[in-house]
Amino acid sequence: MSPRRLDVTVGPRALEAWGEAVGRMAAGEGLVVALTGPLGAGKTSLVRAASRAAGALEPARSPTYTLHHRHRLSGGGTLHHLDLYRIASTAELVDLGWDELIESGDPVFVEWADRASGALPPDRWDVELAMAQAGRSRRLRARARGAAPPLPAAPVSEEAPC
C-alpha cells in the first residue's frame, strides 16, 4: 500500500527512481507537487526525472529566470514546472496565471513552493528535500495532502551507505 507520508534518506539513483514514479502518477492524476528545500537539494533533478517519466518531449531545465516552463507530453497535455525563488510576493502569482495552472488538470511542479504561501491548493503532494550525509544523499520528506492520492512507495536506495 502506498503511504500518505514518507521520511527517508536516499542516494541519487533512488531519488531519481522515486521522481520517475512521481512523474507517472502526477501526469495521470493532474497533481500539484509542491517542492521545498535549500539550493542544491535536488528539486530540479527530481522534476527532471518526473517530467521524463511523464513523457515530456524535451528535457526539463530549471525555470529560475523564466519562472515557468511548459513541457508538452507525448500522451497529450502539458507538464508545468515553476520556480518561485525570485518572486517577491504571492501577488506575482497572478502574472504567472497561477489559478489557471492549478485548475488546469495538468501536472504542476512548483519549486520553492513555500513562496506561494496560502495559494497552494489543499489537494497536493508536498515534497521537502535536504542534504544528508555530507551531500552524498538526500533526506526526502513527502506528504499527500487533502484528497491527493497516496504517494509512490518509499524509494529503495541501492547505493552503499555513506
N, C-alpha and C. Protein backbone atom coordinates (compact mmCIF):
# COMPACT_ATOMS: atom_id res chain seq x y z
N MET A 1 0.84 -1.18 0.00
CA MET A 1 0.00 0.00 0.00
C MET A 1 0.89 1.25 0.00
N SER A 2 0.52 2.23 -0.78
CA SER A 2 1.29 3.47 -0.87
C SER A 2 1.00 4.34 0.34
N PRO A 3 2.01 5.06 0.80
CA PRO A 3 1.86 5.86 2.02
C PRO A 3 1.30 7.27 1.77
N ARG A 4 0.86 7.90 2.84
CA ARG A 4 0.46 9.30 2.79
C ARG A 4 1.61 10.19 3.26
N ARG A 5 2.63 9.58 3.91
CA ARG A 5 3.82 10.31 4.36
C ARG A 5 5.06 9.45 4.13
N LEU A 6 6.16 10.14 3.83
CA LEU A 6 7.47 9.49 3.72
C LEU A 6 8.50 10.33 4.46
N ASP A 7 9.46 9.67 5.04
CA ASP A 7 10.61 10.34 5.64
C ASP A 7 11.77 9.36 5.55
N VAL A 8 12.57 9.50 4.48
CA VAL A 8 13.66 8.57 4.21
C VAL A 8 14.90 9.32 3.76
N THR A 9 16.05 8.67 3.86
CA THR A 9 17.30 9.18 3.32
C THR A 9 17.67 8.28 2.14
N VAL A 10 17.94 8.91 0.99
CA VAL A 10 18.19 8.15 -0.23
C VAL A 10 19.39 8.71 -0.98
N GLY A 11 19.95 7.87 -1.81
CA GLY A 11 21.02 8.29 -2.71
C GLY A 11 20.44 8.81 -4.01
N PRO A 12 21.30 9.29 -4.90
CA PRO A 12 20.83 9.91 -6.14
C PRO A 12 20.00 8.99 -7.03
N ARG A 13 20.39 7.72 -7.18
CA ARG A 13 19.63 6.82 -8.07
C ARG A 13 18.25 6.53 -7.50
N ALA A 14 18.15 6.35 -6.20
CA ALA A 14 16.85 6.08 -5.59
C ALA A 14 15.95 7.31 -5.68
N LEU A 15 16.52 8.50 -5.50
CA LEU A 15 15.73 9.71 -5.63
C LEU A 15 15.23 9.88 -7.06
N GLU A 16 16.07 9.58 -8.03
CA GLU A 16 15.67 9.67 -9.43
C GLU A 16 14.54 8.67 -9.73
N ALA A 17 14.65 7.45 -9.24
CA ALA A 17 13.61 6.44 -9.46
C ALA A 17 12.30 6.87 -8.82
N TRP A 18 12.37 7.44 -7.63
CA TRP A 18 11.15 7.92 -6.97
C TRP A 18 10.57 9.10 -7.76
N GLY A 19 11.43 9.97 -8.26
CA GLY A 19 10.97 11.09 -9.09
C GLY A 19 10.24 10.59 -10.34
N GLU A 20 10.72 9.52 -10.93
CA GLU A 20 10.05 8.95 -12.09
C GLU A 20 8.66 8.43 -11.71
N ALA A 21 8.55 7.77 -10.57
CA ALA A 21 7.24 7.29 -10.10
C ALA A 21 6.31 8.47 -9.84
N VAL A 22 6.84 9.55 -9.28
CA VAL A 22 6.05 10.77 -9.03
C VAL A 22 5.55 11.33 -10.36
N GLY A 23 6.41 11.37 -11.36
CA GLY A 23 6.04 11.91 -12.66
C GLY A 23 4.92 11.12 -13.32
N ARG A 24 5.03 9.80 -13.27
CA ARG A 24 3.97 8.97 -13.86
C ARG A 24 2.64 9.20 -13.16
N MET A 25 2.67 9.25 -11.83
CA MET A 25 1.42 9.45 -11.08
C MET A 25 0.88 10.87 -11.26
N ALA A 26 1.77 11.86 -11.22
CA ALA A 26 1.33 13.26 -11.35
C ALA A 26 0.68 13.49 -12.70
N ALA A 27 1.26 12.91 -13.75
CA ALA A 27 0.70 13.09 -15.09
C ALA A 27 -0.68 12.44 -15.19
N GLY A 28 -0.81 11.27 -14.61
CA GLY A 28 -2.09 10.57 -14.67
C GLY A 28 -3.18 11.21 -13.84
N GLU A 29 -2.80 11.88 -12.77
CA GLU A 29 -3.75 12.45 -11.83
C GLU A 29 -3.91 13.97 -11.97
N GLY A 30 -3.01 14.62 -12.72
CA GLY A 30 -3.04 16.08 -12.80
C GLY A 30 -2.72 16.72 -11.46
N LEU A 31 -1.71 16.20 -10.79
CA LEU A 31 -1.37 16.64 -9.44
C LEU A 31 -0.53 17.91 -9.39
N VAL A 32 -0.64 18.61 -8.29
CA VAL A 32 0.28 19.69 -7.95
C VAL A 32 1.29 19.09 -6.97
N VAL A 33 2.57 19.25 -7.30
CA VAL A 33 3.66 18.77 -6.45
C VAL A 33 4.43 19.99 -5.98
N ALA A 34 4.37 20.26 -4.68
CA ALA A 34 5.00 21.44 -4.08
C ALA A 34 6.35 21.03 -3.49
N LEU A 35 7.44 21.55 -4.07
CA LEU A 35 8.79 21.18 -3.67
C LEU A 35 9.45 22.30 -2.86
N THR A 36 10.08 21.91 -1.76
CA THR A 36 10.84 22.85 -0.95
C THR A 36 12.19 22.24 -0.60
N GLY A 37 13.10 23.09 -0.19
CA GLY A 37 14.44 22.66 0.21
C GLY A 37 15.45 23.69 -0.22
N PRO A 38 16.65 23.63 0.34
CA PRO A 38 17.68 24.62 0.03
C PRO A 38 18.22 24.46 -1.39
N LEU A 39 18.95 25.47 -1.84
CA LEU A 39 19.64 25.39 -3.13
C LEU A 39 20.49 24.13 -3.17
N GLY A 40 20.44 23.43 -4.29
CA GLY A 40 21.27 22.24 -4.46
C GLY A 40 20.73 20.97 -3.83
N ALA A 41 19.53 21.01 -3.27
CA ALA A 41 18.98 19.83 -2.59
C ALA A 41 18.45 18.78 -3.55
N GLY A 42 18.20 19.15 -4.81
CA GLY A 42 17.74 18.17 -5.78
C GLY A 42 16.35 18.39 -6.31
N LYS A 43 15.79 19.57 -6.10
CA LYS A 43 14.42 19.85 -6.56
C LYS A 43 14.32 19.74 -8.08
N THR A 44 15.22 20.41 -8.80
CA THR A 44 15.18 20.37 -10.25
C THR A 44 15.51 18.97 -10.76
N SER A 45 16.41 18.27 -10.13
CA SER A 45 16.72 16.89 -10.53
C SER A 45 15.50 16.00 -10.40
N LEU A 46 14.75 16.18 -9.33
CA LEU A 46 13.54 15.39 -9.15
C LEU A 46 12.52 15.72 -10.25
N VAL A 47 12.35 17.00 -10.56
CA VAL A 47 11.42 17.40 -11.63
C VAL A 47 11.89 16.87 -12.97
N ARG A 48 13.19 16.87 -13.21
CA ARG A 48 13.73 16.35 -14.47
C ARG A 48 13.36 14.87 -14.63
N ALA A 49 13.52 14.08 -13.57
CA ALA A 49 13.16 12.66 -13.62
C ALA A 49 11.65 12.50 -13.79
N ALA A 50 10.88 13.31 -13.07
CA ALA A 50 9.42 13.23 -13.15
C ALA A 50 8.92 13.58 -14.54
N SER A 51 9.46 14.63 -15.13
CA SER A 51 8.98 15.05 -16.45
C SER A 51 9.36 14.02 -17.52
N ARG A 52 10.53 13.43 -17.39
CA ARG A 52 10.94 12.39 -18.33
C ARG A 52 9.96 11.20 -18.26
N ALA A 53 9.64 10.76 -17.06
CA ALA A 53 8.74 9.63 -16.88
C ALA A 53 7.30 9.97 -17.29
N ALA A 54 6.92 11.24 -17.17
CA ALA A 54 5.58 11.66 -17.56
C ALA A 54 5.44 11.75 -19.08
N GLY A 55 6.56 11.68 -19.79
CA GLY A 55 6.52 11.71 -21.25
C GLY A 55 6.84 13.06 -21.86
N ALA A 56 7.58 13.91 -21.14
CA ALA A 56 7.95 15.22 -21.69
C ALA A 56 8.76 15.02 -22.97
N LEU A 57 8.46 15.84 -23.96
CA LEU A 57 9.12 15.73 -25.26
C LEU A 57 10.50 16.37 -25.29
N GLU A 58 10.83 17.14 -24.26
CA GLU A 58 12.15 17.74 -24.15
C GLU A 58 12.59 17.67 -22.69
N PRO A 59 13.91 17.64 -22.45
CA PRO A 59 14.39 17.56 -21.07
C PRO A 59 13.99 18.80 -20.26
N ALA A 60 13.63 18.58 -19.02
CA ALA A 60 13.30 19.70 -18.13
C ALA A 60 14.59 20.43 -17.76
N ARG A 61 14.47 21.73 -17.65
CA ARG A 61 15.59 22.55 -17.17
C ARG A 61 15.02 23.53 -16.16
N SER A 62 15.88 24.09 -15.39
CA SER A 62 15.43 24.98 -14.32
C SER A 62 14.79 26.25 -14.87
N PRO A 63 13.60 26.59 -14.39
CA PRO A 63 12.96 27.83 -14.82
C PRO A 63 13.26 29.01 -13.88
N THR A 64 14.43 29.01 -13.27
CA THR A 64 14.76 30.03 -12.28
C THR A 64 14.55 31.44 -12.79
N TYR A 65 14.96 31.72 -14.01
CA TYR A 65 14.85 33.09 -14.53
C TYR A 65 13.55 33.35 -15.27
N THR A 66 12.99 32.32 -15.89
CA THR A 66 11.73 32.50 -16.62
C THR A 66 10.52 32.24 -15.73
N LEU A 67 10.72 31.63 -14.60
CA LEU A 67 9.71 31.28 -13.59
C LEU A 67 8.81 30.12 -13.99
N HIS A 68 8.54 29.90 -15.28
CA HIS A 68 7.59 28.88 -15.70
C HIS A 68 8.01 28.26 -17.02
N HIS A 69 8.18 26.95 -17.03
CA HIS A 69 8.40 26.21 -18.28
C HIS A 69 7.21 25.29 -18.51
N ARG A 70 6.81 25.18 -19.75
CA ARG A 70 5.76 24.25 -20.16
C ARG A 70 6.43 23.13 -20.94
N HIS A 71 6.13 21.89 -20.55
CA HIS A 71 6.69 20.74 -21.24
C HIS A 71 5.54 19.94 -21.85
N ARG A 72 5.51 19.89 -23.18
CA ARG A 72 4.49 19.07 -23.84
C ARG A 72 4.76 17.60 -23.55
N LEU A 73 3.69 16.84 -23.34
CA LEU A 73 3.80 15.43 -23.02
C LEU A 73 3.42 14.58 -24.22
N SER A 74 4.12 13.47 -24.41
CA SER A 74 3.89 12.60 -25.57
C SER A 74 2.46 12.09 -25.63
N GLY A 75 1.82 11.91 -24.50
CA GLY A 75 0.45 11.42 -24.46
C GLY A 75 -0.58 12.53 -24.54
N GLY A 76 -0.13 13.75 -24.77
CA GLY A 76 -1.01 14.92 -24.78
C GLY A 76 -0.95 15.65 -23.46
N GLY A 77 -1.31 16.87 -23.47
CA GLY A 77 -1.26 17.69 -22.26
C GLY A 77 0.09 18.33 -22.06
N THR A 78 0.21 18.99 -20.93
CA THR A 78 1.39 19.78 -20.60
C THR A 78 1.77 19.55 -19.15
N LEU A 79 3.05 19.45 -18.89
CA LEU A 79 3.56 19.44 -17.52
C LEU A 79 4.10 20.84 -17.28
N HIS A 80 3.66 21.47 -16.20
CA HIS A 80 4.11 22.82 -15.85
C HIS A 80 5.17 22.71 -14.76
N HIS A 81 6.25 23.46 -14.94
CA HIS A 81 7.37 23.48 -13.99
C HIS A 81 7.62 24.93 -13.62
N LEU A 82 7.35 25.26 -12.37
CA LEU A 82 7.54 26.63 -11.89
C LEU A 82 8.65 26.69 -10.86
N ASP A 83 9.36 27.80 -10.85
CA ASP A 83 10.37 28.08 -9.84
C ASP A 83 10.06 29.45 -9.27
N LEU A 84 9.66 29.47 -8.01
CA LEU A 84 9.20 30.71 -7.38
C LEU A 84 10.29 31.41 -6.58
N TYR A 85 11.54 30.98 -6.74
CA TYR A 85 12.65 31.55 -5.96
C TYR A 85 12.72 33.07 -6.08
N ARG A 86 12.44 33.60 -7.25
CA ARG A 86 12.63 35.03 -7.50
C ARG A 86 11.38 35.88 -7.31
N ILE A 87 10.27 35.28 -6.89
CA ILE A 87 9.10 36.13 -6.68
C ILE A 87 9.21 36.83 -5.32
N ALA A 88 8.71 38.05 -5.27
CA ALA A 88 8.79 38.85 -4.05
C ALA A 88 7.53 38.71 -3.19
N SER A 89 6.40 38.40 -3.84
CA SER A 89 5.16 38.27 -3.07
C SER A 89 4.19 37.35 -3.83
N THR A 90 3.21 36.86 -3.11
CA THR A 90 2.24 35.98 -3.75
C THR A 90 1.40 36.73 -4.79
N ALA A 91 1.38 38.06 -4.75
CA ALA A 91 0.67 38.84 -5.76
C ALA A 91 1.23 38.56 -7.15
N GLU A 92 2.52 38.24 -7.25
CA GLU A 92 3.14 37.95 -8.54
C GLU A 92 2.63 36.66 -9.16
N LEU A 93 1.99 35.81 -8.37
CA LEU A 93 1.45 34.57 -8.90
C LEU A 93 0.37 34.82 -9.95
N VAL A 94 -0.33 35.93 -9.81
CA VAL A 94 -1.38 36.29 -10.77
C VAL A 94 -0.78 36.42 -12.16
N ASP A 95 0.40 37.06 -12.27
CA ASP A 95 1.06 37.24 -13.55
C ASP A 95 1.48 35.93 -14.19
N LEU A 96 1.66 34.90 -13.37
CA LEU A 96 2.02 33.58 -13.89
C LEU A 96 0.80 32.78 -14.34
N GLY A 97 -0.40 33.32 -14.11
CA GLY A 97 -1.61 32.58 -14.42
C GLY A 97 -1.84 31.45 -13.43
N TRP A 98 -1.47 31.70 -12.17
CA TRP A 98 -1.49 30.69 -11.12
C TRP A 98 -2.81 29.94 -11.03
N ASP A 99 -3.92 30.65 -10.92
CA ASP A 99 -5.20 29.98 -10.74
C ASP A 99 -5.52 29.06 -11.91
N GLU A 100 -5.23 29.50 -13.12
CA GLU A 100 -5.49 28.69 -14.30
C GLU A 100 -4.60 27.44 -14.31
N LEU A 101 -3.33 27.60 -13.91
CA LEU A 101 -2.43 26.45 -13.84
C LEU A 101 -2.93 25.41 -12.84
N ILE A 102 -3.29 25.88 -11.67
CA ILE A 102 -3.71 24.98 -10.60
C ILE A 102 -5.00 24.25 -10.99
N GLU A 103 -5.86 24.91 -11.71
CA GLU A 103 -7.14 24.32 -12.09
C GLU A 103 -7.11 23.62 -13.45
N SER A 104 -5.96 23.59 -14.11
CA SER A 104 -5.86 23.07 -15.48
C SER A 104 -6.06 21.56 -15.60
N GLY A 105 -5.81 20.83 -14.54
CA GLY A 105 -5.84 19.38 -14.63
C GLY A 105 -4.54 18.80 -15.14
N ASP A 106 -3.57 19.68 -15.46
CA ASP A 106 -2.24 19.25 -15.87
C ASP A 106 -1.38 19.07 -14.62
N PRO A 107 -0.34 18.23 -14.70
CA PRO A 107 0.59 18.15 -13.58
C PRO A 107 1.36 19.46 -13.44
N VAL A 108 1.52 19.92 -12.20
CA VAL A 108 2.20 21.18 -11.92
C VAL A 108 3.25 20.92 -10.84
N PHE A 109 4.51 21.17 -11.16
CA PHE A 109 5.60 21.03 -10.21
C PHE A 109 6.08 22.43 -9.84
N VAL A 110 6.09 22.73 -8.55
CA VAL A 110 6.42 24.07 -8.06
C VAL A 110 7.64 24.00 -7.15
N GLU A 111 8.77 24.51 -7.63
CA GLU A 111 9.95 24.63 -6.78
C GLU A 111 9.83 25.89 -5.95
N TRP A 112 10.36 25.86 -4.74
CA TRP A 112 10.28 26.96 -3.78
C TRP A 112 8.80 27.26 -3.49
N ALA A 113 8.04 26.19 -3.32
CA ALA A 113 6.60 26.29 -3.12
C ALA A 113 6.23 27.06 -1.86
N ASP A 114 7.13 27.12 -0.90
CA ASP A 114 6.86 27.88 0.33
C ASP A 114 6.60 29.35 0.02
N ARG A 115 7.08 29.83 -1.13
CA ARG A 115 6.85 31.23 -1.51
C ARG A 115 5.43 31.46 -2.05
N ALA A 116 4.70 30.38 -2.28
CA ALA A 116 3.31 30.51 -2.73
C ALA A 116 2.37 30.61 -1.54
N SER A 117 2.91 30.46 -0.35
CA SER A 117 2.16 30.63 0.89
C SER A 117 0.80 29.95 0.83
N GLY A 118 -0.26 30.68 1.12
CA GLY A 118 -1.60 30.10 1.17
C GLY A 118 -2.24 29.89 -0.18
N ALA A 119 -1.52 30.12 -1.28
CA ALA A 119 -2.10 29.97 -2.62
C ALA A 119 -2.04 28.54 -3.13
N LEU A 120 -1.34 27.66 -2.43
CA LEU A 120 -1.26 26.27 -2.86
C LEU A 120 -2.62 25.60 -2.67
N PRO A 121 -2.99 24.70 -3.58
CA PRO A 121 -4.27 24.03 -3.41
C PRO A 121 -4.22 23.05 -2.23
N PRO A 122 -5.33 22.76 -1.62
CA PRO A 122 -5.32 21.86 -0.46
C PRO A 122 -5.01 20.42 -0.84
N ASP A 123 -5.31 20.03 -2.07
CA ASP A 123 -5.06 18.66 -2.54
C ASP A 123 -3.78 18.67 -3.35
N ARG A 124 -2.70 18.18 -2.74
CA ARG A 124 -1.39 18.24 -3.40
C ARG A 124 -0.43 17.29 -2.70
N TRP A 125 0.74 17.15 -3.30
CA TRP A 125 1.85 16.46 -2.64
C TRP A 125 2.87 17.51 -2.24
N ASP A 126 3.30 17.49 -0.99
CA ASP A 126 4.40 18.32 -0.51
C ASP A 126 5.65 17.45 -0.47
N VAL A 127 6.72 17.93 -1.07
CA VAL A 127 7.98 17.19 -1.09
C VAL A 127 9.08 18.13 -0.60
N GLU A 128 9.74 17.75 0.47
CA GLU A 128 10.85 18.52 1.01
C GLU A 128 12.13 17.72 0.86
N LEU A 129 13.15 18.35 0.28
CA LEU A 129 14.45 17.72 0.11
C LEU A 129 15.49 18.48 0.90
N ALA A 130 16.43 17.75 1.47
CA ALA A 130 17.53 18.37 2.22
C ALA A 130 18.78 17.52 2.02
N MET A 131 19.93 18.15 2.14
CA MET A 131 21.20 17.43 2.06
C MET A 131 21.33 16.50 3.27
N ALA A 132 21.98 15.37 3.03
CA ALA A 132 22.26 14.42 4.10
C ALA A 132 23.62 13.80 3.83
N GLN A 133 24.22 13.30 4.86
CA GLN A 133 25.49 12.56 4.76
C GLN A 133 26.52 13.32 3.91
N ALA A 134 26.80 14.53 4.32
CA ALA A 134 27.80 15.39 3.67
C ALA A 134 27.50 15.60 2.19
N GLY A 135 26.22 15.68 1.84
CA GLY A 135 25.82 15.98 0.48
C GLY A 135 25.75 14.78 -0.44
N ARG A 136 26.07 13.59 0.05
CA ARG A 136 26.05 12.41 -0.82
C ARG A 136 24.67 11.79 -0.93
N SER A 137 23.79 12.11 -0.03
CA SER A 137 22.42 11.59 -0.03
C SER A 137 21.46 12.74 0.21
N ARG A 138 20.19 12.44 0.09
CA ARG A 138 19.15 13.44 0.33
C ARG A 138 18.15 12.91 1.34
N ARG A 139 17.70 13.79 2.19
CA ARG A 139 16.60 13.47 3.09
C ARG A 139 15.33 13.84 2.34
N LEU A 140 14.46 12.90 2.18
CA LEU A 140 13.22 13.08 1.44
C LEU A 140 12.06 12.96 2.42
N ARG A 141 11.33 14.06 2.55
CA ARG A 141 10.11 14.06 3.34
C ARG A 141 8.98 14.44 2.40
N ALA A 142 7.94 13.65 2.38
CA ALA A 142 6.83 13.92 1.48
C ALA A 142 5.52 13.63 2.20
N ARG A 143 4.49 14.33 1.75
CA ARG A 143 3.18 14.16 2.37
C ARG A 143 2.09 14.39 1.32
N ALA A 144 1.13 13.48 1.27
CA ALA A 144 -0.06 13.66 0.44
C ALA A 144 -1.06 14.45 1.27
N ARG A 145 -1.51 15.57 0.75
CA ARG A 145 -2.44 16.45 1.48
C ARG A 145 -3.83 16.40 0.87
N GLY A 146 -4.82 16.60 1.72
CA GLY A 146 -6.20 16.67 1.26
C GLY A 146 -6.62 15.40 0.56
N ALA A 147 -7.25 15.57 -0.59
CA ALA A 147 -7.76 14.44 -1.35
C ALA A 147 -6.75 13.91 -2.38
N ALA A 148 -5.51 14.39 -2.31
CA ALA A 148 -4.48 13.87 -3.23
C ALA A 148 -4.29 12.39 -2.97
N PRO A 149 -3.99 11.62 -4.02
CA PRO A 149 -3.78 10.18 -3.82
C PRO A 149 -2.53 9.92 -2.98
N PRO A 150 -2.40 8.71 -2.46
CA PRO A 150 -1.18 8.36 -1.71
C PRO A 150 0.06 8.53 -2.57
N LEU A 151 1.17 8.72 -1.92
CA LEU A 151 2.47 8.89 -2.57
C LEU A 151 2.97 7.56 -3.15
N PRO A 152 3.87 7.63 -4.12
CA PRO A 152 4.55 6.39 -4.52
C PRO A 152 5.29 5.81 -3.32
N ALA A 153 5.48 4.52 -3.33
CA ALA A 153 6.17 3.84 -2.22
C ALA A 153 7.55 4.44 -2.02
N ALA A 154 8.06 4.28 -0.82
CA ALA A 154 9.38 4.80 -0.47
C ALA A 154 10.43 4.21 -1.41
N PRO A 155 11.34 5.04 -1.88
CA PRO A 155 12.39 4.54 -2.76
C PRO A 155 13.35 3.64 -1.99
N VAL A 156 13.86 2.66 -2.70
CA VAL A 156 14.85 1.76 -2.11
C VAL A 156 16.21 2.19 -2.62
N SER A 157 17.07 2.60 -1.70
CA SER A 157 18.38 3.08 -2.10
C SER A 157 19.31 1.91 -2.37
N GLU A 158 19.88 1.87 -3.58
CA GLU A 158 20.81 0.82 -3.94
C GLU A 158 22.25 1.23 -3.65
N GLU A 159 22.45 2.49 -3.35
CA GLU A 159 23.80 2.97 -3.06
C GLU A 159 24.27 2.40 -1.72
N ALA A 160 25.55 2.21 -1.62
CA ALA A 160 26.11 1.76 -0.34
C ALA A 160 25.96 2.88 0.67
N PRO A 161 25.69 2.55 1.93
CA PRO A 161 25.58 3.60 2.92
C PRO A 161 26.88 4.37 3.04
N CYS A 162 26.76 5.65 3.25
CA CYS A 162 27.95 6.52 3.35
C CYS A 162 28.44 6.58 4.77
